[in-house]
C-alpha atoms as a PDB file:
ATOM      1  CA  MET A   1     116.949 227.350  63.172  1.00  0.00           C
ATOM      2  CA  GLU A   2     117.073 228.216  66.880  1.00  0.00           C
ATOM      3  CA  ASN A   3     113.369 227.362  67.209  1.00  0.00           C
ATOM      4  CA  CYS A   4     113.986 223.994  65.595  1.00  0.00           C
ATOM      5  CA  LEU A   5     116.840 223.240  68.014  1.00  0.00           C
ATOM      6  CA  LEU A   6     114.707 224.278  70.969  1.00  0.00           C
ATOM      7  CA  ILE A   7     111.887 221.977  69.856  1.00  0.00           C
ATOM      8  CA  LEU A   8     114.303 219.086  69.339  1.00  0.00           C
ATOM      9  CA  SER A   9     115.859 219.622  72.771  1.00  0.00           C
ATOM     10  CA  ILE A  10     112.463 219.621  74.522  1.00  0.00           C
ATOM     11  CA  LEU A  11     110.936 216.764  72.512  1.00  0.00           C
ATOM     12  CA  PRO A  12     112.594 213.955  74.529  1.00  0.00           C
ATOM     13  CA  VAL A  13     110.987 215.334  77.713  1.00  0.00           C
ATOM     14  CA  PHE A  14     107.518 214.900  76.184  1.00  0.00           C
ATOM     15  CA  LEU A  15     108.314 211.490  74.757  1.00  0.00           C
ATOM     16  CA  CYS A  16     109.616 210.078  78.033  1.00  0.00           C
ATOM     17  CA  CYS A  17     106.341 210.640  79.871  1.00  0.00           C
ATOM     18  CA  LYS A  18     104.966 207.477  81.368  1.00  0.00           C
ATOM     19  CA  SER A  19     101.480 206.309  80.538  1.00  0.00           C
ATOM     20  CA  SER A  20      98.964 207.329  83.165  1.00  0.00           C
ATOM     21  CA  ASN A  21      95.722 205.895  81.914  1.00  0.00           C
ATOM     22  CA  LEU A  22      93.392 204.413  84.478  1.00  0.00           C
ATOM     23  CA  ASP A  23      93.274 200.639  84.064  1.00  0.00           C
ATOM     24  CA  ASP A  24      89.979 198.735  83.799  1.00  0.00           C
ATOM     25  CA  SER A  25      89.723 197.955  87.517  1.00  0.00           C
ATOM     26  CA  GLU A  26      90.284 201.638  88.379  1.00  0.00           C
ATOM     27  CA  LEU A  27      87.752 202.810  85.771  1.00  0.00           C
ATOM     28  CA  ASN A  28      85.247 200.199  86.971  1.00  0.00           C
ATOM     29  CA  PHE A  29      85.480 201.516  90.538  1.00  0.00           C
ATOM     30  CA  ASN A  30      83.156 204.260  89.287  1.00  0.00           C
ATOM     31  CA  PRO A  31      79.723 202.666  88.758  1.00  0.00           C
ATOM     32  CA  TYR A  32      78.032 205.812  87.413  1.00  0.00           C
ATOM     33  CA  LYS A  33      77.210 207.080  83.950  1.00  0.00           C
ATOM     34  CA  LYS A  34      75.602 210.272  82.676  1.00  0.00           C
ATOM     35  CA  ASN A  35      71.934 210.765  83.680  1.00  0.00           C
ATOM     36  CA  ASP A  36      71.914 208.058  86.371  1.00  0.00           C
ATOM     37  CA  VAL A  37      69.566 209.118  89.178  1.00  0.00           C
ATOM     38  CA  LEU A  38      70.150 208.234  92.826  1.00  0.00           C
ATOM     39  CA  ILE A  39      67.139 208.560  95.113  1.00  0.00           C
ATOM     40  CA  PHE A  40      67.748 208.280  98.847  1.00  0.00           C
ATOM     41  CA  GLU A  41      65.105 207.972 101.549  1.00  0.00           C
ATOM     42  CA  SER A  42      65.711 208.627 105.234  1.00  0.00           C
ATOM     43  CA  ASN A  43      64.463 206.514 108.120  1.00  0.00           C
ATOM     44  CA  LEU A  44      62.037 209.442 108.706  1.00  0.00           C
ATOM     45  CA  GLY A  45      60.518 209.164 105.208  1.00  0.00           C
ATOM     46  CA  GLU A  46      62.306 212.175 103.664  1.00  0.00           C
ATOM     47  CA  ARG A  47      63.689 211.964 100.113  1.00  0.00           C
ATOM     48  CA  ASP A  48      66.755 213.418  98.456  1.00  0.00           C
ATOM     49  CA  SER A  49      68.233 212.797  95.031  1.00  0.00           C
ATOM     50  CA  LEU A  50      71.207 213.248  92.741  1.00  0.00           C
ATOM     51  CA  ARG A  51      71.388 213.117  88.941  1.00  0.00           C
ATOM     52  CA  ILE A  52      74.749 212.338  87.388  1.00  0.00           C
ATOM     53  CA  ARG A  53      75.523 215.304  85.163  1.00  0.00           C
ATOM     54  CA  GLN A  54      78.667 213.854  83.642  1.00  0.00           C
ATOM     55  CA  VAL A  55      81.645 211.604  84.161  1.00  0.00           C
ATOM     56  CA  ILE A  56      84.841 213.348  83.125  1.00  0.00           C
ATOM     57  CA  ASN A  57      88.091 211.523  82.433  1.00  0.00           C
ATOM     58  CA  MET A  58      90.828 214.170  82.181  1.00  0.00           C
ATOM     59  CA  LYS A  59      94.511 213.885  81.448  1.00  0.00           C
ATOM     60  CA  ASN A  60      96.553 216.766  82.795  1.00  0.00           C
ATOM     61  CA  ASN A  61     100.041 216.567  81.369  1.00  0.00           C
ATOM     62  CA  ALA A  62     102.219 218.504  83.786  1.00  0.00           C
ATOM     63  CA  ALA A  63     105.162 218.098  81.392  1.00  0.00           C
ATOM     64  CA  GLN A  64     103.528 220.541  79.026  1.00  0.00           C
ATOM     65  CA  MET A  65     103.620 223.233  81.695  1.00  0.00           C
ATOM     66  CA  THR A  66     106.605 222.454  83.894  1.00  0.00           C
ATOM     67  CA  LEU A  67     108.805 220.058  81.895  1.00  0.00           C
ATOM     68  CA  ASN A  68     108.162 217.553  84.680  1.00  0.00           C
ATOM     69  CA  PRO A  69     107.326 214.144  83.169  1.00  0.00           C
ATOM     70  CA  ASP A  70     104.511 213.401  85.648  1.00  0.00           C
ATOM     71  CA  LYS A  71     101.046 212.965  84.234  1.00  0.00           C
ATOM     72  CA  LEU A  72      97.899 213.225  86.290  1.00  0.00           C
ATOM     73  CA  VAL A  73      94.701 211.477  85.258  1.00  0.00           C
ATOM     74  CA  THR A  74      91.520 212.490  87.024  1.00  0.00           C
ATOM     75  CA  LEU A  75      88.096 210.916  86.771  1.00  0.00           C
ATOM     76  CA  LEU A  76      85.364 213.137  88.214  1.00  0.00           C
ATOM     77  CA  VAL A  77      81.727 212.233  88.724  1.00  0.00           C
ATOM     78  CA  GLU A  78      79.658 215.427  88.690  1.00  0.00           C
ATOM     79  CA  ALA A  79      76.094 215.339  89.930  1.00  0.00           C
ATOM     80  CA  ASP A  80      73.227 217.782  90.199  1.00  0.00           C
ATOM     81  CA  TYR A  81      71.773 217.860  93.648  1.00  0.00           C
ATOM     82  CA  SER A  82      67.987 218.021  93.915  1.00  0.00           C
ATOM     83  CA  GLU A  83      67.914 221.263  95.894  1.00  0.00           C
ATOM     84  CA  ALA A  84      68.035 224.107  93.389  1.00  0.00           C
ATOM     85  CA  TYR A  85      69.133 227.651  94.108  1.00  0.00           C
ATOM     86  CA  LEU A  86      67.755 230.863  92.662  1.00  0.00           C
ATOM     87  CA  THR A  87      70.152 232.822  90.446  1.00  0.00           C
ATOM     88  CA  ILE A  88      70.269 236.603  90.063  1.00  0.00           C
ATOM     89  CA  ASP A  89      68.020 236.283  87.001  1.00  0.00           C
ATOM     90  CA  ASN A  90      65.350 234.381  89.012  1.00  0.00           C
ATOM     91  CA  TYR A  91      66.307 231.164  87.248  1.00  0.00           C
ATOM     92  CA  PHE A  92      66.482 227.961  89.267  1.00  0.00           C
ATOM     93  CA  GLU A  93      69.832 226.289  88.853  1.00  0.00           C
ATOM     94  CA  PRO A  94      70.629 222.832  90.264  1.00  0.00           C
ATOM     95  CA  VAL A  95      73.506 222.594  92.697  1.00  0.00           C
ATOM     96  CA  GLU A  96      76.473 220.802  91.125  1.00  0.00           C
ATOM     97  CA  ILE A  97      78.721 218.635  93.285  1.00  0.00           C
ATOM     98  CA  HIS A  98      81.516 216.149  92.701  1.00  0.00           C
ATOM     99  CA  ILE A  99      80.452 212.909  94.355  1.00  0.00           C
ATOM    100  CA  LEU A 100      83.525 210.864  93.447  1.00  0.00           C
ATOM    101  CA  GLU A 101      87.060 211.631  92.342  1.00  0.00           C
ATOM    102  CA  ILE A 102      89.743 209.202  91.186  1.00  0.00           C
ATOM    103  CA  ASN A 103      93.318 210.439  90.650  1.00  0.00           C
ATOM    104  CA  LYS A 104      96.395 208.700  89.328  1.00  0.00           C
ATOM    105  CA  VAL A 105      99.921 209.961  88.689  1.00  0.00           C
ATOM    106  CA  ASN A 106     102.041 207.885  86.330  1.00  0.00           C
ATOM    107  CA  LYS A 107     102.104 204.236  87.421  1.00  0.00           C
ATOM    108  CA  GLU A 108     101.320 205.006  91.078  1.00  0.00           C
ATOM    109  CA  PRO A 109      98.194 203.358  92.534  1.00  0.00           C
ATOM    110  CA  ALA A 110      94.982 205.232  91.792  1.00  0.00           C
ATOM    111  CA  LEU A 111      93.502 207.221  94.684  1.00  0.00           C
ATOM    112  CA  VAL A 112      89.809 207.735  95.381  1.00  0.00           C
ATOM    113  CA  GLN A 113      88.014 210.479  97.279  1.00  0.00           C
ATOM    114  CA  PHE A 114      84.375 210.104  98.368  1.00  0.00           C
ATOM    115  CA  ASN A 115      82.322 213.316  98.502  1.00  0.00           C
ATOM    116  CA  LEU A 116      78.698 213.806  99.484  1.00  0.00           C
ATOM    117  CA  ASP A 117      77.185 217.210 100.192  1.00  0.00           C
ATOM    118  CA  LEU A 118      73.407 217.128 100.282  1.00  0.00           C
ATOM    119  CA  SER A 119      70.689 219.198 101.968  1.00  0.00           C
ATOM    120  CA  GLU A 120      70.544 217.006 105.037  1.00  0.00           C
ATOM    121  CA  ALA A 121      74.035 215.490 104.941  1.00  0.00           C
ATOM    122  CA  VAL A 122      77.703 216.407 104.481  1.00  0.00           C
ATOM    123  CA  PHE A 123      80.603 213.984 104.288  1.00  0.00           C
ATOM    124  CA  TYR A 124      83.850 215.728 105.067  1.00  0.00           C
ATOM    125  CA  PRO A 125      85.956 214.099 102.371  1.00  0.00           C
ATOM    126  CA  LYS A 126      88.241 211.357 103.409  1.00  0.00           C
ATOM    127  CA  TYR A 127      91.793 211.911 102.342  1.00  0.00           C
ATOM    128  CA  ASN A 128      92.582 210.203  99.078  1.00  0.00           C
ATOM    129  CA  GLN A 129      92.958 206.508  99.699  1.00  0.00           C
ATOM    130  CA  LYS A 130      94.219 203.824  97.361  1.00  0.00           C
ATOM    131  CA  ILE A 131      91.480 202.043  95.450  1.00  0.00           C
ATOM    132  CA  GLU A 132      93.339 198.794  96.045  1.00  0.00           C
ATOM    133  CA  ASP A 133      93.049 199.383  99.823  1.00  0.00           C
ATOM    134  CA  VAL A 134      89.301 200.016  99.563  1.00  0.00           C
ATOM    135  CA  LEU A 135      88.943 196.778  97.582  1.00  0.00           C
ATOM    136  CA  LYS A 136      90.775 194.879 100.355  1.00  0.00           C
ATOM    137  CA  GLN A 137      88.381 196.062 103.085  1.00  0.00           C
ATOM    138  CA  THR A 138      85.921 193.674 104.684  1.00  0.00           C
ATOM    139  CA  LYS A 139      82.841 193.206 102.483  1.00  0.00           C
ATOM    140  CA  TYR A 140      79.487 193.194 104.265  1.00  0.00           C
ATOM    141  CA  LYS A 141      76.204 191.607 103.222  1.00  0.00           C
ATOM    142  CA  MET A 142      73.317 193.969 103.854  1.00  0.00           C
ATOM    143  CA  LYS A 143      69.744 194.624 102.822  1.00  0.00           C
ATOM    144  CA  ILE A 144      69.402 198.300 101.930  1.00  0.00           C
ATOM    145  CA  GLY A 145      66.360 199.948 100.393  1.00  0.00           C
ATOM    146  CA  GLY A 146      64.784 196.541  99.845  1.00  0.00           C
ATOM    147  CA  LYS A 147      67.759 195.219  97.854  1.00  0.00           C
ATOM    148  CA  LYS A 148      70.394 192.714  98.977  1.00  0.00           C
ATOM    149  CA  TYR A 149      74.060 193.595  98.581  1.00  0.00           C
ATOM    150  CA  ASP A 150      77.081 191.406  99.276  1.00  0.00           C
ATOM    151  CA  ASP A 151      79.867 193.849  98.412  1.00  0.00           C
ATOM    152  CA  ILE A 152      79.489 196.724 100.884  1.00  0.00           C
ATOM    153  CA  VAL A 153      82.546 198.511 102.264  1.00  0.00           C
ATOM    154  CA  ILE A 154      82.162 201.135 104.972  1.00  0.00           C
ATOM    155  CA  ILE A 155      83.899 204.490 104.513  1.00  0.00           C
ATOM    156  CA  LYS A 156      84.358 206.743 107.532  1.00  0.00           C
ATOM    157  CA  PRO A 157      85.532 210.359 107.621  1.00  0.00           C
ATOM    158  CA  GLU A 158      89.191 211.040 108.238  1.00  0.00           C
ATOM    159  CA  SER A 159      88.420 212.840 111.473  1.00  0.00           C
ATOM    160  CA  ASN A 160      85.493 213.844 113.656  1.00  0.00           C
ATOM    161  CA  GLU A 161      86.549 217.481 113.627  1.00  0.00           C
ATOM    162  CA  TYR A 162      83.106 218.556 112.366  1.00  0.00           C
ATOM    163  CA  ALA A 163      81.109 215.925 114.256  1.00  0.00           C
ATOM    164  CA  SER A 164      79.226 218.604 116.194  1.00  0.00           C
ATOM    165  CA  ARG A 165      77.567 219.769 112.972  1.00  0.00           C
ATOM    166  CA  GLU A 166      73.985 218.592 112.544  1.00  0.00           C
ATOM    167  CA  HIS A 167      74.446 217.080 109.068  1.00  0.00           C
ATOM    168  CA  PHE A 168      77.733 215.242 109.708  1.00  0.00           C
ATOM    169  CA  ILE A 169      77.917 211.895 107.828  1.00  0.00           C
ATOM    170  CA  SER A 170      79.570 209.326 110.073  1.00  0.00           C
ATOM    171  CA  LYS A 171      79.537 206.398 107.613  1.00  0.00           C
ATOM    172  CA  ILE A 172      79.135 205.822 103.908  1.00  0.00           C
ATOM    173  CA  TYR A 173      78.101 202.380 102.702  1.00  0.00           C
ATOM    174  CA  TRP A 174      79.683 201.875  99.265  1.00  0.00           C
ATOM    175  CA  SER A 175      78.713 198.951  97.051  1.00  0.00           C
ATOM    176  CA  LEU A 176      81.598 197.955  94.815  1.00  0.00           C
ATOM    177  CA  LYS A 177      79.054 197.366  92.035  1.00  0.00           C
ATOM    178  CA  TYR A 178      76.486 200.140  92.634  1.00  0.00           C
ATOM    179  CA  GLY A 179      78.334 202.914  94.500  1.00  0.00           C
ATOM    180  CA  TYR A 180      76.619 204.931  97.239  1.00  0.00           C
ATOM    181  CA  VAL A 181      73.814 202.842  98.761  1.00  0.00           C
ATOM    182  CA  ARG A 182      73.522 204.307 102.254  1.00  0.00           C
ATOM    183  CA  TYR A 183      74.910 207.011 104.498  1.00  0.00           C
ATOM    184  CA  ASP A 184      74.425 207.490 108.231  1.00  0.00           C
ATOM    185  CA  LEU A 185      74.453 210.772 110.072  1.00  0.00           C
ATOM    186  CA  LEU A 186      75.891 211.074 113.547  1.00  0.00           C
ATOM    187  CA  ASN A 187      72.473 212.321 114.736  1.00  0.00           C
ATOM    188  CA  GLY A 188      70.976 208.864 114.009  1.00  0.00           C
ATOM    189  CA  LYS A 189      69.343 209.644 110.666  1.00  0.00           C
ATOM    190  CA  LYS A 190      70.000 207.006 107.977  1.00  0.00           C
ATOM    191  CA  TRP A 191      69.576 207.541 104.232  1.00  0.00           C
ATOM    192  CA  GLU A 192      69.214 204.541 101.904  1.00  0.00           C
ATOM    193  CA  LEU A 193      69.254 204.235  98.128  1.00  0.00           C
ATOM    194  CA  VAL A 194      65.728 203.259  97.073  1.00  0.00           C
ATOM    195  CA  ASN A 195      65.995 203.070  93.279  1.00  0.00           C
END
């Protein structure tokens, strides 16, 4: 009987949780799907690539753990980076990175974090920014990798704290339709999406 009363007393906490699903515009901010391949070429003719391993849409119900009615929804885009590393068993394993993360708590605006960490380039993640703010940024028309885009927003790092590092990404060019299409390093090297 005590267990039944305990369950009935806690039940309203679970039922009062607000919906925290990502809406269509927030979901559509991520242009990637499993097995997409991104091939970048530098202005020096070098190539680098990513393969989308998976797109994960997770709901983390904090109420289940803390009795707090907040719900967190996270969309993660995981990619395998072309540079493999050798495991202890002499097996080559691709390097896995998260290239994009979208978070939302309850009905708050969804936040996005851009992440790139490649052999020749590292973007020190910008603090989470509202997707709606990214969508309001100036859109640029550019020709990148032989393709014309008219929906480019430029993402810069939060700070230049690591600007002295050789592989520091100073700008990301994000197409609202296609995602990462170019990134520039502070050392002058430019990488463009070519596929």
